[in-house]
Every structure is written in structure tokens, then in C-alpha cells.
Protein backbone atom coordinates (compact mmCIF):
# COMPACT_ATOMS: atom_id res chain seq x y z
CA UNK A 1 -39.23 -9.90 2.64
CA UNK A 2 -37.75 -9.21 -0.73
CA UNK A 3 -34.24 -8.59 -2.15
CA UNK A 4 -33.51 -5.26 -3.90
CA UNK A 5 -31.03 -5.20 -6.82
CA UNK A 6 -29.56 -1.87 -7.78
CA UNK A 7 -29.53 -1.64 -11.53
CA UNK A 8 -26.35 -0.59 -13.47
CA UNK A 9 -27.33 1.54 -16.49
CA UNK A 10 -26.42 4.79 -18.28
CA UNK A 11 -29.96 6.12 -18.41
CA UNK A 12 -30.39 4.46 -21.84
CA UNK A 13 -29.37 0.85 -21.61
CA UNK A 14 -29.38 -1.72 -18.83
CA UNK A 15 -25.78 -2.85 -18.21
CA UNK A 16 -25.03 -6.72 -18.30
CA UNK A 17 -23.87 -6.73 -14.71
CA UNK A 18 -27.47 -6.15 -13.60
CA UNK A 19 -28.46 -9.63 -15.06
CA UNK A 20 -25.75 -11.33 -12.91
CA UNK A 21 -26.84 -9.47 -9.87
CA UNK A 22 -30.45 -10.59 -10.42
CA UNK A 23 -29.27 -14.22 -10.64
CA UNK A 24 -27.42 -13.77 -7.29
CA UNK A 25 -30.38 -12.19 -5.68
CA UNK A 26 -32.61 -15.07 -6.75
CA UNK A 27 -30.43 -17.44 -4.64
CA UNK A 28 -32.20 -15.97 -1.57
CA UNK A 29 -35.33 -17.74 -2.62
CA UNK A 30 -37.61 -14.70 -2.15
CA UNK A 31 -38.96 -12.13 -4.64
CA UNK A 32 -36.55 -9.84 -6.44
CA UNK A 33 -37.05 -6.19 -7.07
CA UNK A 34 -34.86 -3.92 -9.15
CA UNK A 35 -34.14 -0.23 -8.54
CA UNK A 36 -33.51 1.94 -11.66
CA UNK A 37 -32.52 5.33 -10.33
CA UNK A 38 -31.72 7.81 -13.06
CA UNK A 39 -33.06 10.51 -15.32
CA UNK A 40 -35.29 9.83 -18.27
CA UNK A 41 -34.52 6.24 -17.97
CA UNK A 42 -37.82 4.71 -18.82
CA UNK A 43 -36.37 2.47 -21.47
CA UNK A 44 -34.07 1.01 -18.72
CA UNK A 45 -36.95 0.37 -16.47
CA UNK A 46 -38.75 -1.29 -19.21
CA UNK A 47 -35.86 -3.47 -19.96
CA UNK A 48 -35.33 -4.42 -16.41
CA UNK A 49 -39.02 -5.60 -16.16
CA UNK A 50 -38.41 -7.99 -18.92
CA UNK A 51 -35.53 -9.76 -17.01
CA UNK A 52 -36.70 -13.15 -15.94
CA UNK A 53 -36.98 -13.45 -12.23
CA UNK A 54 -37.81 -9.83 -11.52
CA UNK A 55 -41.10 -9.09 -9.79
CA UNK A 56 -41.11 -5.35 -9.66
CA UNK A 57 -38.87 -2.49 -11.14
CA UNK A 58 -38.87 0.58 -8.99
CA UNK A 59 -38.15 3.75 -11.09
CA UNK A 60 -36.97 6.71 -9.45
CA UNK A 61 -36.66 9.55 -11.93
CA UNK A 62 -35.18 12.83 -10.89
CA UNK A 63 -32.47 15.30 -12.07
CA UNK A 64 -30.60 14.62 -8.88
CA UNK A 65 -30.12 11.02 -10.17
CA UNK A 66 -29.09 11.85 -13.77
CA UNK A 67 -25.33 11.36 -13.14
CA UNK A 68 -25.79 8.66 -10.47
CA UNK A 69 -23.63 10.24 -7.93
CA UNK A 70 -22.95 7.85 -5.10
CA UNK A 71 -24.38 10.13 -2.36
CA UNK A 72 -27.60 10.57 -4.14
CA UNK A 73 -28.07 7.02 -5.25
CA UNK A 74 -27.31 5.71 -1.73
CA UNK A 75 -29.98 8.12 -0.32
CA UNK A 76 -32.46 6.60 -2.88
CA UNK A 77 -31.69 3.14 -1.77
CA UNK A 78 -32.00 4.06 1.93
CA UNK A 79 -35.44 5.54 1.24
CA UNK A 80 -36.49 2.04 0.19
CA UNK A 81 -34.39 -0.16 2.36
CA UNK A 82 -36.92 -0.83 5.06
CA UNK A 83 -38.79 -3.19 2.72
CA UNK A 84 -35.99 -5.57 2.02
CA UNK A 85 -34.00 -8.17 3.82
CA UNK A 86 -30.97 -7.86 1.39
CA UNK A 87 -29.66 -5.23 -1.02
CA UNK A 88 -27.52 -6.41 -3.81
CA UNK A 89 -25.07 -4.57 -5.91
CA UNK A 90 -22.81 -5.72 -8.90
CA UNK A 91 -19.20 -5.57 -7.67
CA UNK A 92 -18.35 -2.82 -10.23
CA UNK A 93 -16.76 0.47 -9.53
CA UNK A 94 -20.16 2.02 -9.14
CA UNK A 95 -21.49 -0.69 -6.89
CA UNK A 96 -18.50 -0.69 -4.65
CA UNK A 97 -18.85 3.16 -4.41
CA UNK A 98 -22.47 3.03 -3.23
CA UNK A 99 -22.82 -0.25 -1.20
CA UNK A 100 -20.58 0.81 1.75
CA UNK A 101 -22.43 4.14 2.03
CA UNK A 102 -25.67 2.37 2.25
CA UNK A 103 -24.39 -0.14 4.76
CA UNK A 104 -22.91 2.49 7.01
CA UNK A 105 -26.12 4.53 7.13
CA UNK A 106 -28.07 1.36 8.01
CA UNK A 107 -25.42 0.45 10.57
CA UNK A 108 -24.86 -2.83 8.96
CA UNK A 109 -21.49 -4.59 7.74
CA UNK A 110 -21.23 -4.79 3.98
CA UNK A 111 -20.04 -7.98 2.53
CA UNK A 112 -18.00 -7.53 -0.70
CA UNK A 113 -17.25 -9.53 -3.72
CA UNK A 114 -19.55 -12.38 -2.98
CA UNK A 115 -19.05 -15.44 -5.09
CA UNK A 116 -21.61 -17.74 -3.67
CA UNK A 117 -24.77 -17.35 -1.66
CA UNK A 118 -25.06 -20.50 0.56
CA UNK A 119 -28.27 -19.27 2.44
CA UNK A 120 -30.03 -16.11 3.45
CA UNK A 121 -27.24 -15.30 5.94
CA UNK A 122 -24.06 -17.28 4.72
CA UNK A 123 -21.96 -16.13 1.87
CA UNK A 124 -18.60 -17.07 0.32
CA UNK A 125 -16.08 -14.59 -0.90
CA UNK A 126 -12.39 -14.78 -2.08
CA UNK A 127 -9.57 -13.52 0.25
CA UNK A 128 -5.75 -13.42 -0.29
CA UNK A 129 -6.07 -12.56 -3.96
CA UNK A 130 -8.58 -15.50 -4.50
CA UNK A 131 -6.12 -18.08 -3.11
CA UNK A 132 -8.67 -18.89 -0.32
CA UNK A 133 -12.45 -18.64 -0.03
CA UNK A 134 -13.98 -17.31 3.21
CA UNK A 135 -17.37 -18.34 4.40
CA UNK A 136 -19.04 -15.47 6.15
CA UNK A 137 -22.19 -15.30 8.14
CA UNK A 138 -24.02 -12.27 8.94
CA UNK A 139 -26.69 -11.71 11.57
CA UNK A 140 -27.47 -8.17 10.22
CA UNK A 141 -31.18 -7.38 9.81
CA UNK A 142 -30.36 -6.23 6.15
CA UNK A 143 -27.64 -7.94 4.16
CA UNK A 144 -25.65 -5.41 1.93
CA UNK A 145 -23.69 -7.26 -0.70
CA UNK A 146 -21.68 -6.62 -3.78
CA UNK A 147 -21.50 -9.79 -5.96
CA UNK A 148 -18.78 -10.74 -8.33
CA UNK A 149 -20.54 -10.84 -11.64
CA UNK A 150 -18.22 -13.62 -13.07
CA UNK A 151 -19.46 -15.99 -10.35
CA UNK A 152 -23.16 -15.92 -11.28
CA UNK A 153 -24.64 -16.65 -14.71
CA UNK A 154 -26.65 -13.78 -16.39
CA UNK A 155 -30.34 -13.86 -15.92
CA UNK A 156 -32.35 -14.06 -19.18
CA UNK A 157 -32.96 -10.55 -20.46
CA UNK A 158 -36.30 -11.35 -21.82
CA UNK A 159 -39.30 -13.55 -20.83
CA UNK A 160 -39.86 -11.81 -17.52
CA UNK A 161 -43.19 -10.19 -16.43
CA UNK A 162 -42.08 -7.73 -13.88
CA UNK A 163 -44.07 -4.53 -13.45
CA UNK A 164 -42.72 -0.97 -13.32
CA UNK A 165 -43.70 1.06 -10.25
CA UNK A 166 -42.76 4.81 -10.04
CA UNK A 167 -41.39 5.71 -6.71
CA UNK A 168 -40.70 9.06 -5.17
CA UNK A 169 -37.18 10.29 -6.04
CA UNK A 170 -35.00 11.95 -3.39
CA UNK A 171 -33.56 15.38 -3.86
CA UNK A 172 -29.89 16.34 -4.39
CA UNK A 173 -27.78 15.68 -1.35
CA UNK A 174 -25.65 18.73 -2.25
CA UNK A 175 -22.41 17.05 -1.03
CA UNK A 176 -21.03 16.44 -4.51
CA UNK A 177 -21.46 17.65 -8.09
CA UNK A 178 -20.88 16.12 -11.50
CA UNK A 179 -18.31 18.07 -13.34
CA UNK A 180 -17.46 16.21 -16.58
CA UNK A 181 -16.80 12.80 -18.18
CA UNK A 182 -14.34 11.79 -20.82
CA UNK A 183 -15.82 8.77 -22.62
CA UNK A 184 -13.60 6.48 -24.76
CA UNK A 185 -15.36 5.30 -27.90
CA UNK A 186 -14.72 1.50 -28.22
CA UNK A 187 -14.79 -0.33 -31.49
CA UNK A 188 -14.53 -3.66 -29.76
CA UNK A 189 -16.38 -5.46 -26.97
CA UNK A 190 -16.31 -4.13 -23.37
CA UNK A 191 -13.75 -5.88 -21.38
CA UNK A 192 -15.97 -7.25 -18.63
CA UNK A 193 -18.49 -8.53 -21.12
CA UNK A 194 -16.19 -9.77 -23.86
CA UNK A 195 -16.39 -13.54 -24.84
CA UNK A 196 -12.79 -13.47 -25.98
CA UNK A 197 -9.91 -11.35 -24.47
CA UNK A 198 -6.38 -10.92 -25.79
CA UNK A 199 -4.23 -9.56 -22.92
CA UNK A 200 -0.55 -8.30 -22.91
CA UNK A 201 2.04 -8.04 -20.33
CA UNK A 202 5.26 -5.91 -19.71
CA UNK A 203 7.10 -8.21 -22.04
CA UNK A 204 5.69 -6.24 -25.09
CA UNK A 205 8.07 -3.39 -24.23
CA UNK A 206 6.22 -0.45 -25.44
CA UNK A 207 2.70 0.87 -26.24
CA UNK A 208 3.59 0.80 -29.95
CA UNK A 209 4.44 -2.87 -29.88
CA UNK A 210 1.50 -3.56 -27.68
CA UNK A 211 -0.80 -2.04 -30.53
CA UNK A 212 1.20 -3.62 -33.26
CA UNK A 213 1.34 -7.12 -32.05
CA UNK A 214 -1.98 -7.66 -30.15
CA UNK A 215 -4.40 -5.47 -31.98
CA UNK A 216 -4.37 -7.66 -35.24
CA UNK A 217 -5.03 -10.79 -33.21
CA UNK A 218 -7.88 -9.07 -31.31
CA UNK A 219 -9.33 -7.90 -34.61
CA UNK A 220 -9.16 -11.41 -36.06
CA UNK A 221 -10.97 -12.81 -33.10
CA UNK A 222 -13.42 -9.99 -32.38
CA UNK A 223 -11.88 -9.77 -28.98
CA UNK A 224 -11.46 -7.17 -26.28
CA UNK A 225 -7.89 -6.04 -25.19
CA UNK A 226 -6.62 -6.47 -21.83
CA UNK A 227 -3.37 -5.82 -19.92
CA UNK A 228 -1.54 -6.77 -16.74
CA UNK A 229 -0.92 -4.23 -14.07
CA UNK A 230 2.75 -4.17 -14.98
CA UNK A 231 1.95 -3.18 -18.55
CA UNK A 232 -0.54 -0.55 -17.44
CA UNK A 233 1.88 1.00 -14.87
CA UNK A 234 4.46 0.95 -17.69
CA UNK A 235 2.24 3.06 -19.93
CA UNK A 236 1.78 0.39 -22.55
CA UNK A 237 -2.09 0.31 -22.11
CA UNK A 238 -4.74 2.36 -20.59
CA UNK A 239 -5.99 1.87 -17.10
CA UNK A 240 -9.39 0.62 -18.13
CA UNK A 241 -7.67 -2.40 -19.79
CA UNK A 242 -6.15 -3.63 -16.63
CA UNK A 243 -7.12 -7.16 -15.69
CA UNK A 244 -6.57 -8.32 -12.05
CA UNK A 245 -7.30 -7.81 -8.39
CA UNK A 246 -6.99 -4.06 -8.58
CA UNK A 247 -8.34 -4.00 -12.23
CA UNK A 248 -11.24 -5.80 -13.72
CA UNK A 249 -12.45 -9.29 -12.92
CA UNK A 250 -13.18 -11.18 -16.23
CA UNK A 251 -14.14 -14.66 -17.07
CA UNK A 252 -14.43 -14.90 -20.89
CA UNK A 253 -14.77 -18.03 -22.74
CA UNK A 254 -11.25 -17.63 -24.14
CA UNK A 255 -8.41 -15.72 -22.50
CA UNK A 256 -5.08 -15.29 -24.40
CA UNK A 257 -2.30 -14.10 -22.18
CA UNK A 258 0.72 -12.77 -24.15
CA UNK A 259 3.92 -12.10 -22.42
CA UNK A 260 2.27 -12.17 -18.88
CA UNK A 261 4.21 -13.99 -16.27
CA UNK A 262 1.13 -14.75 -14.04
CA UNK A 263 1.49 -12.64 -10.80
CA UNK A 264 -1.05 -13.48 -8.06
CA UNK A 265 -2.70 -10.05 -8.70
CA UNK A 266 -3.39 -10.73 -12.33
CA UNK A 267 -4.40 -14.41 -11.78
CA UNK A 268 -7.08 -13.24 -9.44
CA UNK A 269 -8.78 -11.33 -12.15
CA UNK A 270 -8.85 -13.98 -14.96
CA UNK A 271 -8.40 -17.44 -13.57
CA UNK A 272 -12.13 -18.21 -13.82
CA UNK A 273 -11.88 -17.94 -17.61
CA UNK A 274 -13.26 -20.98 -19.38
CA UNK A 275 -10.09 -21.63 -21.63
CA UNK A 276 -6.79 -19.90 -20.86
CA UNK A 277 -3.97 -19.68 -23.47
CA UNK A 278 -0.54 -18.54 -22.42
CA UNK A 279 2.17 -17.46 -24.67
CA UNK A 280 5.44 -16.87 -22.83
CA UNK A 281 9.24 -17.73 -23.48
CA UNK A 282 9.86 -18.34 -19.85
CA UNK A 283 9.09 -22.00 -19.12
CA UNK A 284 8.84 -21.17 -15.34
CA UNK A 285 6.11 -18.56 -15.77
CA UNK A 286 3.46 -19.10 -13.14
CA UNK A 287 0.57 -18.50 -15.60
CA UNK A 288 1.50 -22.03 -17.23
CA UNK A 289 0.17 -23.58 -13.96
CA UNK A 290 -3.28 -22.40 -14.62
CA UNK A 291 -3.34 -22.30 -18.50
CA UNK A 292 -5.30 -24.91 -20.44
CA UNK A 293 -2.93 -24.45 -23.33
CA UNK A 294 0.66 -23.17 -22.99
CA UNK A 295 2.97 -22.18 -25.74
CA UNK A 296 6.65 -21.61 -24.70
CA UNK A 297 7.65 -19.15 -27.48
CA UNK A 298 8.64 -15.60 -28.18
CA UNK A 299 5.28 -13.64 -28.46
CA UNK A 300 6.93 -11.37 -31.17
CA UNK A 301 7.14 -14.51 -33.36
CA UNK A 302 4.23 -16.61 -32.20
CA UNK A 303 1.46 -13.93 -32.22
CA UNK A 304 2.03 -12.73 -35.80
CA UNK A 305 2.21 -16.38 -36.95
CA UNK A 306 -1.12 -17.05 -35.09
CA UNK A 307 -2.74 -14.11 -36.85
CA UNK A 308 -1.48 -15.40 -40.27
CA UNK A 309 -3.08 -18.93 -39.47
CA UNK A 310 -6.48 -17.36 -38.53
């Protein structure tokens, strides 16, 4: 039997998280199909068919799927589930919303935040804020997984030869309705896809200082901006900048932590970064234990000097 990957998209473009999920699905050693459930999303289906390792793209097109409400997407997945031995979601807000619904309807136990697929029924996932790795075995007929995208390399977005198959779309479940969305326009990379992240903590003291000190550095490096939970809770940065166990899990090539002490919750979200640079005036800050480069200095002096040097 095959594995089904649920595509992340906005009806126009295929999200990078899907590429990581395809790589994870390929570890099962069977054929990989991708479900594109949306409205007028033919371009997304076409892009998914080009992903290396994808055999088929199942394209469900309906008004009920336009806003990808969890209830409707779950129903669409369930309509196709009988053909698959595993259903793979990216461990994003959307994937974590839909996967448990699918698992519950199938009467299977979902396995969340998988970081390694050992075999068709054995998986690894972090526990205790990433301080331990649990090996989980499942005897369920259908494995329902969310996979941590930072743990799997992205599949090549081109060079594939998958074929697009139109499938019958489900109707509206009628249990929820899309009301509105407020979208922030970003002039810098998306946090989870950024190669460089400049992140700030509560030590910055205010949203004005957060912007004045870190934005110039991020601009120089073409980086995304991130924040610790403490900084977000204090109102220094918006919620969608939060990096950590209860925020976003990132693994950029370069992570620069400014004024972040290194609470376990934050480290769980960024410790897989390729290179970690920590700037903190507290020599006992836990973040120095995982940093590749540590600078014991006042960030209000060190960061502007770094900007000038760049």
C-alpha cells in the first residue's frame, strides 16, 4: 500500500513544508501520493506533481475546501484513507489541526512530531521539550503521523514525474465556517523557511528597542526575525515570531540569539540550527551551552557594532 501526504498550500503555491513531508513519507519505502485539497488549486497540483518521489497527486477541487477548514479537509482525507497504510501531515498548525481528527475517525492513535521513521511501524519523536527521544511502535492498520519538518530534508521541487488525478471532492461538513483572515505582509523571509534568523529575548526591554536593535541586523543579513516566548508575552514581538516548543520549530543555517537566556522551551525550538550564535551579558546563561559561538557582551553595544562591521 502507498503513503498519502497532505499538501500544505494557499490555493496558489505549494508550501515548503510539503517537501519535507514527502521526504519523510519516502522512508516507508513505498509509493508516495500527495493530496491537494483546495479551490482553483490546479497550479498547486501541478507543482506537487513535479516533486521528486511523488507518484500521484490527488486533486480535490471544491468550494468547501477553499479555506481548508479542518473538518472538511479531514473528511476529504477520510474518503481516500482506505487505500493507504500511512497518512503523513507536516507538523504545522494546520497539520496538527487535521491529523487528530483523521486519526479519531479511523479509530487509530495519531503519532505527533515524528523526527525519524525507523521502519513502517516504528518512529522516533521528542519528549520532555526535546530532552529525550521516545521510540514508538504502532500496530494500527493506518499510521497517522505529523512530522517535524526540520528533521527531514526537503524533497527536490523539480525533476519528478507524478501524474495528477482528479478525485471527487466532499461536500461542506456544515460544522464550521470561515469568517475572515488578517494577513501580515512580510518583507523578509518566513520564519520556518528562513536560512538566517535573528531572534531577541526579554532583555531587549521594549518593542521599540526590539525593532531598533534587531531589525538593522536582520536587514543586513536578509534574515527573518524571531523572539523568545518571554519577549512575545511581554509584547515586544508578535505571536507569529515566537520560536520554541509552543511556538515555531526552526532549523536555519544560522541562528543569532540576542538577549535570550536559553529556557528549555526556547531551546526545543531552535537547537537543531546548523550554527548558533549567542549574545548575552550573563556568562551563566544556558544558551551558551548549545551555542557554537558565544559573545559575553551587552547586546545594545554588541549588535550595533556587528551591524557596522557588516
